[in-house]
Amino acid sequence: MARVKRGVTAHAKHKKIFKAAKGYYGRRKNTIRIAKQAVEKANQYAYRDRKRCKRTFRALWIQRLNAAVRPFGLNYSKFIDGLARSGVAVDRKVLSDLAIREPVAFQAIVDKAKAALAA
């Protein structure tokens, strides 16, 4: 049987790890054993924080909406309840954007929610 030399494969694997570890500090960027650990940990953080990012943005939109509906005599939960009763299906991201960029359109939506709550 022919002898298999694995240098090319090992070099390619290491190259992939070192490319991912580019910019790391100290031996984390140029020693394979430590670089591999650093890259694995970085990937764990990246996976976790992709989920966390969605959560934090939703929280931000809710805070913005709460602040935006307070001058109209509502709080966030009453506002969302009014939207549900009036049948307005606009998500929090768009509502938050409307509150900042289109105050007149947002006021119309708030009036609709208020009317639904009163009825």
PDB file of N, CA and C in Angstrom:
ATOM      1  N   MET A   1       0.828  -1.190   0.000  1.00  0.00           N
ATOM      2  CA  MET A   1       0.000   0.000   0.000  1.00  0.00           C
ATOM      3  C   MET A   1       0.870   1.250   0.000  1.00  0.00           C
ATOM      4  N   ALA A   2       0.407   2.258  -0.687  1.00  0.00           N
ATOM      5  CA  ALA A   2       1.191   3.490  -0.790  1.00  0.00           C
ATOM      6  C   ALA A   2       1.109   4.284   0.510  1.00  0.00           C
ATOM      7  N   ARG A   3       2.177   4.983   0.786  1.00  0.00           N
ATOM      8  CA  ARG A   3       2.237   5.798   2.006  1.00  0.00           C
ATOM      9  C   ARG A   3       1.523   7.115   1.758  1.00  0.00           C
ATOM     10  N   VAL A   4       0.723   7.551   2.737  1.00  0.00           N
ATOM     11  CA  VAL A   4      -0.016   8.807   2.593  1.00  0.00           C
ATOM     12  C   VAL A   4       0.671   9.871   3.428  1.00  0.00           C
ATOM     13  N   LYS A   5       1.094  10.928   2.757  1.00  0.00           N
ATOM     14  CA  LYS A   5       1.684  12.053   3.479  1.00  0.00           C
ATOM     15  C   LYS A   5       0.591  13.094   3.681  1.00  0.00           C
ATOM     16  N   ARG A   6       0.394  13.553   4.928  1.00  0.00           N
ATOM     17  CA  ARG A   6      -0.753  14.388   5.256  1.00  0.00           C
ATOM     18  C   ARG A   6      -0.412  15.863   5.400  1.00  0.00           C
ATOM     19  N   GLY A   7       0.772  16.249   4.982  1.00  0.00           N
ATOM     20  CA  GLY A   7       1.210  17.629   5.192  1.00  0.00           C
ATOM     21  C   GLY A   7       0.314  18.650   4.521  1.00  0.00           C
ATOM     22  N   VAL A   8      -0.116  18.360   3.315  1.00  0.00           N
ATOM     23  CA  VAL A   8      -0.918  19.324   2.558  1.00  0.00           C
ATOM     24  C   VAL A   8      -2.267  19.550   3.243  1.00  0.00           C
ATOM     25  N   THR A   9      -2.894  18.460   3.661  1.00  0.00           N
ATOM     26  CA  THR A   9      -4.200  18.556   4.321  1.00  0.00           C
ATOM     27  C   THR A   9      -4.089  19.307   5.642  1.00  0.00           C
ATOM     28  N   ALA A  10      -3.081  18.952   6.435  1.00  0.00           N
ATOM     29  CA  ALA A  10      -2.884  19.599   7.737  1.00  0.00           C
ATOM     30  C   ALA A  10      -2.618  21.091   7.547  1.00  0.00           C
ATOM     31  N   HIS A  11      -1.811  21.402   6.548  1.00  0.00           N
ATOM     32  CA  HIS A  11      -1.495  22.810   6.294  1.00  0.00           C
ATOM     33  C   HIS A  11      -2.755  23.586   5.907  1.00  0.00           C
ATOM     34  N   ALA A  12      -3.603  22.982   5.096  1.00  0.00           N
ATOM     35  CA  ALA A  12      -4.847  23.640   4.676  1.00  0.00           C
ATOM     36  C   ALA A  12      -5.766  23.874   5.875  1.00  0.00           C
ATOM     37  N   LYS A  13      -5.863  22.864   6.762  1.00  0.00           N
ATOM     38  CA  LYS A  13      -6.693  23.004   7.962  1.00  0.00           C
ATOM     39  C   LYS A  13      -6.181  24.128   8.850  1.00  0.00           C
ATOM     40  N   HIS A  14      -4.870  24.140   9.049  1.00  0.00           N
ATOM     41  CA  HIS A  14      -4.278  25.171   9.896  1.00  0.00           C
ATOM     42  C   HIS A  14      -4.468  26.557   9.291  1.00  0.00           C
ATOM     43  N   LYS A  15      -4.325  26.616   7.975  1.00  0.00           N
ATOM     44  CA  LYS A  15      -4.467  27.896   7.276  1.00  0.00           C
ATOM     45  C   LYS A  15      -5.870  28.468   7.492  1.00  0.00           C
ATOM     46  N   LYS A  16      -6.874  27.576   7.475  1.00  0.00           N
ATOM     47  CA  LYS A  16      -8.267  27.988   7.673  1.00  0.00           C
ATOM     48  C   LYS A  16      -8.459  28.565   9.078  1.00  0.00           C
ATOM     49  N   ILE A  17      -7.869  27.916  10.067  1.00  0.00           N
ATOM     50  CA  ILE A  17      -7.967  28.396  11.454  1.00  0.00           C
ATOM     51  C   ILE A  17      -7.256  29.731  11.606  1.00  0.00           C
ATOM     52  N   PHE A  18      -6.051  29.830  11.057  1.00  0.00           N
ATOM     53  CA  PHE A  18      -5.279  31.065  11.186  1.00  0.00           C
ATOM     54  C   PHE A  18      -5.970  32.236  10.482  1.00  0.00           C
ATOM     55  N   LYS A  19      -6.646  31.939   9.388  1.00  0.00           N
ATOM     56  CA  LYS A  19      -7.386  33.000   8.686  1.00  0.00           C
ATOM     57  C   LYS A  19      -8.511  33.522   9.566  1.00  0.00           C
ATOM     58  N   ALA A  20      -9.196  32.600  10.272  1.00  0.00           N
ATOM     59  CA  ALA A  20     -10.290  33.002  11.160  1.00  0.00           C
ATOM     60  C   ALA A  20      -9.762  33.744  12.386  1.00  0.00           C
ATOM     61  N   ALA A  21      -8.508  33.426  12.796  1.00  0.00           N
ATOM     62  CA  ALA A  21      -7.925  34.033  13.996  1.00  0.00           C
ATOM     63  C   ALA A  21      -7.131  35.290  13.685  1.00  0.00           C
ATOM     64  N   LYS A  22      -7.217  35.760  12.479  1.00  0.00           N
ATOM     65  CA  LYS A  22      -6.455  36.958  12.073  1.00  0.00           C
ATOM     66  C   LYS A  22      -6.890  38.152  12.920  1.00  0.00           C
ATOM     67  N   GLY A  23      -5.922  38.855  13.460  1.00  0.00           N
ATOM     68  CA  GLY A  23      -6.225  40.029  14.269  1.00  0.00           C
ATOM     69  C   GLY A  23      -6.316  39.737  15.753  1.00  0.00           C
ATOM     70  N   TYR A  24      -6.245  38.470  16.148  1.00  0.00           N
ATOM     71  CA  TYR A  24      -6.267  38.138  17.567  1.00  0.00           C
ATOM     72  C   TYR A  24      -4.937  38.533  18.195  1.00  0.00           C
ATOM     73  N   TYR A  25      -4.917  38.620  19.539  1.00  0.00           N
ATOM     74  CA  TYR A  25      -3.758  39.109  20.266  1.00  0.00           C
ATOM     75  C   TYR A  25      -2.869  37.958  20.724  1.00  0.00           C
ATOM     76  N   GLY A  26      -1.560  38.145  20.629  1.00  0.00           N
ATOM     77  CA  GLY A  26      -0.603  37.177  21.158  1.00  0.00           C
ATOM     78  C   GLY A  26      -0.598  35.862  20.399  1.00  0.00           C
ATOM     79  N   ARG A  27      -0.447  34.756  21.151  1.00  0.00           N
ATOM     80  CA  ARG A  27      -0.346  33.441  20.514  1.00  0.00           C
ATOM     81  C   ARG A  27      -1.672  32.957  19.964  1.00  0.00           C
ATOM     82  N   ARG A  28      -2.755  33.666  20.285  1.00  0.00           N
ATOM     83  CA  ARG A  28      -4.076  33.264  19.777  1.00  0.00           C
ATOM     84  C   ARG A  28      -4.140  33.335  18.254  1.00  0.00           C
ATOM     85  N   LYS A  29      -3.214  34.078  17.642  1.00  0.00           N
ATOM     86  CA  LYS A  29      -3.266  34.225  16.184  1.00  0.00           C
ATOM     87  C   LYS A  29      -2.282  33.341  15.435  1.00  0.00           C
ATOM     88  N   ASN A  30      -1.257  32.804  16.140  1.00  0.00           N
ATOM     89  CA  ASN A  30      -0.222  32.108  15.376  1.00  0.00           C
ATOM     90  C   ASN A  30       0.206  30.747  15.941  1.00  0.00           C
ATOM     91  N   THR A  31      -0.456  30.269  16.991  1.00  0.00           N
ATOM     92  CA  THR A  31      -0.181  28.932  17.511  1.00  0.00           C
ATOM     93  C   THR A  31      -1.456  28.118  17.331  1.00  0.00           C
ATOM     94  N   ILE A  32      -1.357  27.019  16.607  1.00  0.00           N
ATOM     95  CA  ILE A  32      -2.564  26.322  16.151  1.00  0.00           C
ATOM     96  C   ILE A  32      -3.442  25.865  17.305  1.00  0.00           C
ATOM     97  N   ARG A  33      -2.833  25.325  18.365  1.00  0.00           N
ATOM     98  CA  ARG A  33      -3.630  24.775  19.464  1.00  0.00           C
ATOM     99  C   ARG A  33      -4.447  25.877  20.138  1.00  0.00           C
ATOM    100  N   ILE A  34      -3.826  27.010  20.369  1.00  0.00           N
ATOM    101  CA  ILE A  34      -4.497  28.116  21.052  1.00  0.00           C
ATOM    102  C   ILE A  34      -5.439  28.847  20.095  1.00  0.00           C
ATOM    103  N   ALA A  35      -5.024  28.973  18.849  1.00  0.00           N
ATOM    104  CA  ALA A  35      -5.868  29.640  17.847  1.00  0.00           C
ATOM    105  C   ALA A  35      -7.158  28.864  17.635  1.00  0.00           C
ATOM    106  N   LYS A  36      -7.061  27.534  17.651  1.00  0.00           N
ATOM    107  CA  LYS A  36      -8.253  26.707  17.447  1.00  0.00           C
ATOM    108  C   LYS A  36      -9.255  26.935  18.581  1.00  0.00           C
ATOM    109  N   GLN A  37      -8.764  26.985  19.813  1.00  0.00           N
ATOM    110  CA  GLN A  37      -9.638  27.253  20.964  1.00  0.00           C
ATOM    111  C   GLN A  37     -10.285  28.626  20.848  1.00  0.00           C
ATOM    112  N   ALA A  38      -9.478  29.612  20.454  1.00  0.00           N
ATOM    113  CA  ALA A  38      -9.977  30.993  20.362  1.00  0.00           C
ATOM    114  C   ALA A  38     -11.054  31.111  19.292  1.00  0.00           C
ATOM    115  N   VAL A  39     -10.840  30.452  18.157  1.00  0.00           N
ATOM    116  CA  VAL A  39     -11.809  30.515  17.059  1.00  0.00           C
ATOM    117  C   VAL A  39     -13.095  29.793  17.447  1.00  0.00           C
ATOM    118  N   GLU A  40     -12.983  28.643  18.124  1.00  0.00           N
ATOM    119  CA  GLU A  40     -14.180  27.926  18.569  1.00  0.00           C
ATOM    120  C   GLU A  40     -15.000  28.774  19.526  1.00  0.00           C
ATOM    121  N   LYS A  41     -14.315  29.431  20.475  1.00  0.00           N
ATOM    122  CA  LYS A  41     -15.011  30.274  21.444  1.00  0.00           C
ATOM    123  C   LYS A  41     -15.662  31.462  20.734  1.00  0.00           C
ATOM    124  N   ALA A  42     -14.957  32.034  19.777  1.00  0.00           N
ATOM    125  CA  ALA A  42     -15.502  33.172  19.022  1.00  0.00           C
ATOM    126  C   ALA A  42     -16.758  32.758  18.262  1.00  0.00           C
ATOM    127  N   ASN A  43     -16.750  31.549  17.712  1.00  0.00           N
ATOM    128  CA  ASN A  43     -17.931  31.060  16.984  1.00  0.00           C
ATOM    129  C   ASN A  43     -19.107  30.824  17.925  1.00  0.00           C
ATOM    130  N   GLN A  44     -18.819  30.379  19.159  1.00  0.00           N
ATOM    131  CA  GLN A  44     -19.883  30.207  20.150  1.00  0.00           C
ATOM    132  C   GLN A  44     -20.515  31.561  20.481  1.00  0.00           C
ATOM    133  N   TYR A  45     -19.661  32.553  20.679  1.00  0.00           N
ATOM    134  CA  TYR A  45     -20.168  33.898  20.980  1.00  0.00           C
ATOM    135  C   TYR A  45     -20.990  34.436  19.805  1.00  0.00           C
ATOM    136  N   ALA A  46     -20.505  34.205  18.595  1.00  0.00           N
ATOM    137  CA  ALA A  46     -21.190  34.715  17.407  1.00  0.00           C
ATOM    138  C   ALA A  46     -22.574  34.089  17.272  1.00  0.00           C
ATOM    139  N   TYR A  47     -22.667  32.784  17.503  1.00  0.00           N
ATOM    140  CA  TYR A  47     -23.953  32.085  17.412  1.00  0.00           C
ATOM    141  C   TYR A  47     -24.910  32.627  18.465  1.00  0.00           C
ATOM    142  N   ARG A  48     -24.414  32.732  19.711  1.00  0.00           N
ATOM    143  CA  ARG A  48     -25.258  33.222  20.807  1.00  0.00           C
ATOM    144  C   ARG A  48     -25.729  34.645  20.540  1.00  0.00           C
ATOM    145  N   ASP A  49     -24.821  35.487  20.071  1.00  0.00           N
ATOM    146  CA  ASP A  49     -25.153  36.902  19.937  1.00  0.00           C
ATOM    147  C   ASP A  49     -25.994  37.210  18.703  1.00  0.00           C
ATOM    148  N   ARG A  50     -26.037  36.302  17.749  1.00  0.00           N
ATOM    149  CA  ARG A  50     -26.999  36.490  16.648  1.00  0.00           C
ATOM    150  C   ARG A  50     -28.415  36.425  17.181  1.00  0.00           C
ATOM    151  N   LYS A  51     -28.642  35.541  18.159  1.00  0.00           N
ATOM    152  CA  LYS A  51     -29.962  35.451  18.787  1.00  0.00           C
ATOM    153  C   LYS A  51     -30.198  36.656  19.703  1.00  0.00           C
ATOM    154  N   ARG A  52     -29.161  37.031  20.460  1.00  0.00           N
ATOM    155  CA  ARG A  52     -29.280  38.114  21.432  1.00  0.00           C
ATOM    156  C   ARG A  52     -29.549  39.454  20.744  1.00  0.00           C
ATOM    157  N   CYS A  53     -28.986  39.619  19.568  1.00  0.00           N
ATOM    158  CA  CYS A  53     -29.163  40.868  18.814  1.00  0.00           C
ATOM    159  C   CYS A  53     -30.635  41.118  18.514  1.00  0.00           C
ATOM    160  N   LYS A  54     -31.339  40.072  18.127  1.00  0.00           N
ATOM    161  CA  LYS A  54     -32.770  40.191  17.830  1.00  0.00           C
ATOM    162  C   LYS A  54     -33.538  40.635  19.070  1.00  0.00           C
ATOM    163  N   ARG A  55     -33.155  40.056  20.230  1.00  0.00           N
ATOM    164  CA  ARG A  55     -33.816  40.401  21.488  1.00  0.00           C
ATOM    165  C   ARG A  55     -33.594  41.854  21.860  1.00  0.00           C
ATOM    166  N   THR A  56     -32.339  42.309  21.733  1.00  0.00           N
ATOM    167  CA  THR A  56     -32.029  43.674  22.166  1.00  0.00           C
ATOM    168  C   THR A  56     -32.696  44.700  21.255  1.00  0.00           C
ATOM    169  N   PHE A  57     -32.780  44.399  19.972  1.00  0.00           N
ATOM    170  CA  PHE A  57     -33.456  45.344  19.075  1.00  0.00           C
ATOM    171  C   PHE A  57     -34.946  45.422  19.375  1.00  0.00           C
ATOM    172  N   ARG A  58     -35.566  44.277  19.658  1.00  0.00           N
ATOM    173  CA  ARG A  58     -36.990  44.285  20.004  1.00  0.00           C
ATOM    174  C   ARG A  58     -37.212  45.110  21.268  1.00  0.00           C
ATOM    175  N   ALA A  59     -36.329  44.963  22.248  1.00  0.00           N
ATOM    176  CA  ALA A  59     -36.429  45.742  23.486  1.00  0.00           C
ATOM    177  C   ALA A  59     -36.299  47.241  23.200  1.00  0.00           C
ATOM    178  N   LEU A  60     -35.397  47.591  22.294  1.00  0.00           N
ATOM    179  CA  LEU A  60     -35.218  48.999  21.923  1.00  0.00           C
ATOM    180  C   LEU A  60     -36.479  49.554  21.271  1.00  0.00           C
ATOM    181  N   TRP A  61     -37.075  48.782  20.348  1.00  0.00           N
ATOM    182  CA  TRP A  61     -38.301  49.256  19.681  1.00  0.00           C
ATOM    183  C   TRP A  61     -39.422  49.456  20.693  1.00  0.00           C
ATOM    184  N   ILE A  62     -39.521  48.553  21.664  1.00  0.00           N
ATOM    185  CA  ILE A  62     -40.570  48.657  22.680  1.00  0.00           C
ATOM    186  C   ILE A  62     -40.354  49.910  23.527  1.00  0.00           C
ATOM    187  N   GLN A  63     -39.111  50.179  23.910  1.00  0.00           N
ATOM    188  CA  GLN A  63     -38.815  51.386  24.702  1.00  0.00           C
ATOM    189  C   GLN A  63     -39.160  52.649  23.913  1.00  0.00           C
ATOM    190  N   ARG A  64     -38.820  52.643  22.639  1.00  0.00           N
ATOM    191  CA  ARG A  64     -39.129  53.813  21.801  1.00  0.00           C
ATOM    192  C   ARG A  64     -40.635  54.025  21.683  1.00  0.00           C
ATOM    193  N   LEU A  65     -41.368  52.924  21.497  1.00  0.00           N
ATOM    194  CA  LEU A  65     -42.822  53.032  21.370  1.00  0.00           C
ATOM    195  C   LEU A  65     -43.442  53.528  22.674  1.00  0.00           C
ATOM    196  N   ASN A  66     -42.956  53.018  23.785  1.00  0.00           N
ATOM    197  CA  ASN A  66     -43.475  53.445  25.076  1.00  0.00           C
ATOM    198  C   ASN A  66     -43.274  54.948  25.252  1.00  0.00           C
ATOM    199  N   ALA A  67     -42.084  55.427  24.889  1.00  0.00           N
ATOM    200  CA  ALA A  67     -41.802  56.862  25.001  1.00  0.00           C
ATOM    201  C   ALA A  67     -42.642  57.669  24.020  1.00  0.00           C
ATOM    202  N   ALA A  68     -42.910  57.096  22.850  1.00  0.00           N
ATOM    203  CA  ALA A  68     -43.641  57.834  21.810  1.00  0.00           C
ATOM    204  C   ALA A  68     -45.134  57.944  22.117  1.00  0.00           C
ATOM    205  N   VAL A  69     -45.725  56.949  22.793  1.00  0.00           N
ATOM    206  CA  VAL A  69     -47.175  56.998  23.049  1.00  0.00           C
ATOM    207  C   VAL A  69     -47.523  57.695  24.357  1.00  0.00           C
ATOM    208  N   ARG A  70     -46.546  57.938  25.222  1.00  0.00           N
ATOM    209  CA  ARG A  70     -46.815  58.610  26.493  1.00  0.00           C
ATOM    210  C   ARG A  70     -47.452  59.994  26.318  1.00  0.00           C
ATOM    211  N   PRO A  71     -46.989  60.826  25.382  1.00  0.00           N
ATOM    212  CA  PRO A  71     -47.641  62.136  25.214  1.00  0.00           C
ATOM    213  C   PRO A  71     -49.114  62.043  24.793  1.00  0.00           C
ATOM    214  N   PHE A  72     -49.525  60.923  24.245  1.00  0.00           N
ATOM    215  CA  PHE A  72     -50.915  60.740  23.827  1.00  0.00           C
ATOM    216  C   PHE A  72     -51.773  60.144  24.942  1.00  0.00           C
ATOM    217  N   GLY A  73     -51.216  60.018  26.134  1.00  0.00           N
ATOM    218  CA  GLY A  73     -51.977  59.515  27.271  1.00  0.00           C
ATOM    219  C   GLY A  73     -52.117  58.010  27.308  1.00  0.00           C
ATOM    220  N   LEU A  74     -51.216  57.298  26.666  1.00  0.00           N
ATOM    221  CA  LEU A  74     -51.233  55.831  26.672  1.00  0.00           C
ATOM    222  C   LEU A  74     -49.896  55.317  27.191  1.00  0.00           C
ATOM    223  N   ASN A  75     -49.875  54.060  27.541  1.00  0.00           N
ATOM    224  CA  ASN A  75     -48.587  53.408  27.746  1.00  0.00           C
ATOM    225  C   ASN A  75     -48.453  52.310  26.691  1.00  0.00           C
ATOM    226  N   TYR A  76     -47.306  51.649  26.688  1.00  0.00           N
ATOM    227  CA  TYR A  76     -47.018  50.674  25.639  1.00  0.00           C
ATOM    228  C   TYR A  76     -48.046  49.542  25.586  1.00  0.00           C
ATOM    229  N   SER A  77     -48.367  48.971  26.747  1.00  0.00           N
ATOM    230  CA  SER A  77     -49.239  47.794  26.742  1.00  0.00           C
ATOM    231  C   SER A  77     -50.652  48.149  26.285  1.00  0.00           C
ATOM    232  N   LYS A  78     -51.146  49.308  26.714  1.00  0.00           N
ATOM    233  CA  LYS A  78     -52.484  49.736  26.268  1.00  0.00           C
ATOM    234  C   LYS A  78     -52.477  50.009  24.759  1.00  0.00           C
ATOM    235  N   PHE A  79     -51.384  50.597  24.280  1.00  0.00           N
ATOM    236  CA  PHE A  79     -51.247  50.906  22.857  1.00  0.00           C
ATOM    237  C   PHE A  79     -51.289  49.626  22.018  1.00  0.00           C
ATOM    238  N   ILE A  80     -50.524  48.615  22.435  1.00  0.00           N
ATOM    239  CA  ILE A  80     -50.485  47.347  21.700  1.00  0.00           C
ATOM    240  C   ILE A  80     -51.846  46.650  21.766  1.00  0.00           C
ATOM    241  N   ASP A  81     -52.502  46.750  22.923  1.00  0.00           N
ATOM    242  CA  ASP A  81     -53.838  46.172  23.070  1.00  0.00           C
ATOM    243  C   ASP A  81     -54.814  46.865  22.108  1.00  0.00           C
ATOM    244  N   GLY A  82     -54.722  48.190  22.033  1.00  0.00           N
ATOM    245  CA  GLY A  82     -55.584  48.950  21.122  1.00  0.00           C
ATOM    246  C   GLY A  82     -55.334  48.597  19.664  1.00  0.00           C
ATOM    247  N   LEU A  83     -54.073  48.395  19.309  1.00  0.00           N
ATOM    248  CA  LEU A  83     -53.740  47.998  17.936  1.00  0.00           C
ATOM    249  C   LEU A  83     -54.347  46.637  17.608  1.00  0.00           C
ATOM    250  N   ALA A  84     -54.248  45.711  18.556  1.00  0.00           N
ATOM    251  CA  ALA A  84     -54.783  44.363  18.333  1.00  0.00           C
ATOM    252  C   ALA A  84     -56.300  44.417  18.165  1.00  0.00           C
ATOM    253  N   ARG A  85     -56.968  45.224  18.987  1.00  0.00           N
ATOM    254  CA  ARG A  85     -58.428  45.325  18.894  1.00  0.00           C
ATOM    255  C   ARG A  85     -58.878  46.012  17.620  1.00  0.00           C
ATOM    256  N   SER A  86     -58.085  46.984  17.140  1.00  0.00           N
ATOM    257  CA  SER A  86     -58.465  47.702  15.924  1.00  0.00           C
ATOM    258  C   SER A  86     -58.092  46.935  14.661  1.00  0.00           C
ATOM    259  N   GLY A  87     -57.294  45.879  14.816  1.00  0.00           N
ATOM    260  CA  GLY A  87     -56.931  45.053  13.663  1.00  0.00           C
ATOM    261  C   GLY A  87     -55.765  45.598  12.854  1.00  0.00           C
ATOM    262  N   VAL A  88     -54.993  46.513  13.440  1.00  0.00           N
ATOM    263  CA  VAL A  88     -53.807  47.048  12.756  1.00  0.00           C
ATOM    264  C   VAL A  88     -52.670  46.053  12.952  1.00  0.00           C
ATOM    265  N   ALA A  89     -52.156  45.531  11.846  1.00  0.00           N
ATOM    266  CA  ALA A  89     -51.086  44.529  11.917  1.00  0.00           C
ATOM    267  C   ALA A  89     -49.775  45.137  11.432  1.00  0.00           C
ATOM    268  N   VAL A  90     -49.176  45.967  12.291  1.00  0.00           N
ATOM    269  CA  VAL A  90     -47.876  46.571  11.979  1.00  0.00           C
ATOM    270  C   VAL A  90     -46.924  46.156  13.085  1.00  0.00           C
ATOM    271  N   ASP A  91     -45.737  45.695  12.704  1.00  0.00           N
ATOM    272  CA  ASP A  91     -44.817  45.208  13.739  1.00  0.00           C
ATOM    273  C   ASP A  91     -44.111  46.354  14.460  1.00  0.00           C
ATOM    274  N   ARG A  92     -43.461  46.010  15.561  1.00  0.00           N
ATOM    275  CA  ARG A  92     -42.856  47.006  16.445  1.00  0.00           C
ATOM    276  C   ARG A  92     -41.731  47.775  15.775  1.00  0.00           C
ATOM    277  N   LYS A  93     -41.006  47.113  14.897  1.00  0.00           N
ATOM    278  CA  LYS A  93     -39.899  47.773  14.199  1.00  0.00           C
ATOM    279  C   LYS A  93     -40.426  48.918  13.339  1.00  0.00           C
ATOM    280  N   VAL A  94     -41.460  48.648  12.576  1.00  0.00           N
ATOM    281  CA  VAL A  94     -42.034  49.659  11.686  1.00  0.00           C
ATOM    282  C   VAL A  94     -42.697  50.769  12.495  1.00  0.00           C
ATOM    283  N   LEU A  95     -43.403  50.398  13.570  1.00  0.00           N
ATOM    284  CA  LEU A  95     -44.042  51.401  14.416  1.00  0.00           C
ATOM    285  C   LEU A  95     -43.008  52.343  15.023  1.00  0.00           C
ATOM    286  N   SER A  96     -41.899  51.770  15.483  1.00  0.00           N
ATOM    287  CA  SER A  96     -40.834  52.574  16.069  1.00  0.00           C
ATOM    288  C   SER A  96     -40.251  53.536  15.030  1.00  0.00           C
ATOM    289  N   ASP A  97     -40.063  53.038  13.827  1.00  0.00           N
ATOM    290  CA  ASP A  97     -39.540  53.869  12.739  1.00  0.00           C
ATOM    291  C   ASP A  97     -40.524  54.988  12.396  1.00  0.00           C
ATOM    292  N   LEU A  98     -41.817  54.660  12.356  1.00  0.00           N
ATOM    293  CA  LEU A  98     -42.842  55.675  12.089  1.00  0.00           C
ATOM    294  C   LEU A  98     -42.847  56.753  13.170  1.00  0.00           C
ATOM    295  N   ALA A  99     -42.715  56.343  14.419  1.00  0.00           N
ATOM    296  CA  ALA A  99     -42.733  57.296  15.528  1.00  0.00           C
ATOM    297  C   ALA A  99     -41.603  58.309  15.397  1.00  0.00           C
ATOM    298  N   ILE A 100     -40.473  57.869  14.862  1.00  0.00           N
ATOM    299  CA  ILE A 100     -39.321  58.770  14.715  1.00  0.00           C
ATOM    300  C   ILE A 100     -39.428  59.613  13.448  1.00  0.00           C
ATOM    301  N   ARG A 101     -39.714  58.961  12.306  1.00  0.00           N
ATOM    302  CA  ARG A 101     -39.630  59.645  11.004  1.00  0.00           C
ATOM    303  C   ARG A 101     -40.944  60.269  10.528  1.00  0.00           C
ATOM    304  N   GLU A 102     -42.085  59.661  10.891  1.00  0.00           N
ATOM    305  CA  GLU A 102     -43.387  60.137  10.407  1.00  0.00           C
ATOM    306  C   GLU A 102     -44.344  60.344  11.583  1.00  0.00           C
ATOM    307  N   PRO A 103     -44.180  61.418  12.360  1.00  0.00           N
ATOM    308  CA  PRO A 103     -45.015  61.610  13.549  1.00  0.00           C
ATOM    309  C   PRO A 103     -46.510  61.729  13.236  1.00  0.00           C
ATOM    310  N   VAL A 104     -46.834  62.295  12.082  1.00  0.00           N
ATOM    311  CA  VAL A 104     -48.249  62.469  11.719  1.00  0.00           C
ATOM    312  C   VAL A 104     -48.906  61.108  11.476  1.00  0.00           C
ATOM    313  N   ALA A 105     -48.229  60.251  10.736  1.00  0.00           N
ATOM    314  CA  ALA A 105     -48.753  58.906  10.467  1.00  0.00           C
ATOM    315  C   ALA A 105     -48.845  58.109  11.764  1.00  0.00           C
ATOM    316  N   PHE A 106     -47.859  58.277  12.626  1.00  0.00           N
ATOM    317  CA  PHE A 106     -47.873  57.568  13.907  1.00  0.00           C
ATOM    318  C   PHE A 106     -49.043  58.044  14.766  1.00  0.00           C
ATOM    319  N   GLN A 107     -49.319  59.336  14.727  1.00  0.00           N
ATOM    320  CA  GLN A 107     -50.435  59.875  15.508  1.00  0.00           C
ATOM    321  C   GLN A 107     -51.762  59.291  15.026  1.00  0.00           C
ATOM    322  N   ALA A 108     -51.884  59.102  13.715  1.00  0.00           N
ATOM    323  CA  ALA A 108     -53.107  58.500  13.164  1.00  0.00           C
ATOM    324  C   ALA A 108     -53.281  57.067  13.686  1.00  0.00           C
ATOM    325  N   ILE A 109     -52.189  56.334  13.766  1.00  0.00           N
ATOM    326  CA  ILE A 109     -52.246  54.963  14.276  1.00  0.00           C
ATOM    327  C   ILE A 109     -52.624  54.963  15.756  1.00  0.00           C
ATOM    328  N   VAL A 110     -52.054  55.913  16.510  1.00  0.00           N
ATOM    329  CA  VAL A 110     -52.370  56.014  17.940  1.00  0.00           C
ATOM    330  C   VAL A 110     -53.852  56.342  18.128  1.00  0.00           C
ATOM    331  N   ASP A 111     -54.372  57.238  17.292  1.00  0.00           N
ATOM    332  CA  ASP A 111     -55.798  57.595  17.376  1.00  0.00           C
ATOM    333  C   ASP A 111     -56.685  56.381  17.114  1.00  0.00           C
ATOM    334  N   LYS A 112     -56.290  55.559  16.137  1.00  0.00           N
ATOM    335  CA  LYS A 112     -57.025  54.325  15.844  1.00  0.00           C
ATOM    336  C   LYS A 112     -57.026  53.384  17.044  1.00  0.00           C
ATOM    337  N   ALA A 113     -55.856  53.245  17.670  1.00  0.00           N
ATOM    338  CA  ALA A 113     -55.740  52.367  18.841  1.00  0.00           C
ATOM    339  C   ALA A 113     -56.586  52.890  19.993  1.00  0.00           C
ATOM    340  N   LYS A 114     -56.591  54.210  20.172  1.00  0.00           N
ATOM    341  CA  LYS A 114     -57.388  54.821  21.245  1.00  0.00           C
ATOM    342  C   LYS A 114     -58.879  54.586  21.013  1.00  0.00           C
ATOM    343  N   ALA A 115     -59.288  54.747  19.759  1.00  0.00           N
ATOM    344  CA  ALA A 115     -60.704  54.545  19.422  1.00  0.00           C
ATOM    345  C   ALA A 115     -61.125  53.102  19.682  1.00  0.00           C
ATOM    346  N   ALA A 116     -60.248  52.169  19.369  1.00  0.00           N
ATOM    347  CA  ALA A 116     -60.556  50.753  19.592  1.00  0.00           C
ATOM    348  C   ALA A 116     -60.642  50.443  21.086  1.00  0.00           C
ATOM    349  N   LEU A 117     -59.811  51.108  21.887  1.00  0.00           N
ATOM    350  CA  LEU A 117     -59.846  50.888  23.329  1.00  0.00           C
ATOM    351  C   LEU A 117     -61.131  51.461  23.947  1.00  0.00           C
ATOM    352  N   ALA A 118     -61.557  52.605  23.415  1.00  0.00           N
ATOM    353  CA  ALA A 118     -62.763  53.267  23.933  1.00  0.00           C
ATOM    354  C   ALA A 118     -64.033  52.457  23.604  1.00  0.00           C
ATOM    355  N   ALA A 119     -64.014  51.808  22.450  1.00  0.00           N
ATOM    356  CA  ALA A 119     -65.198  51.056  22.005  1.00  0.00           C
ATOM    357  C   ALA A 119     -65.399  49.774  22.769  1.00  0.00           C
TER     358      ALA A 119
END
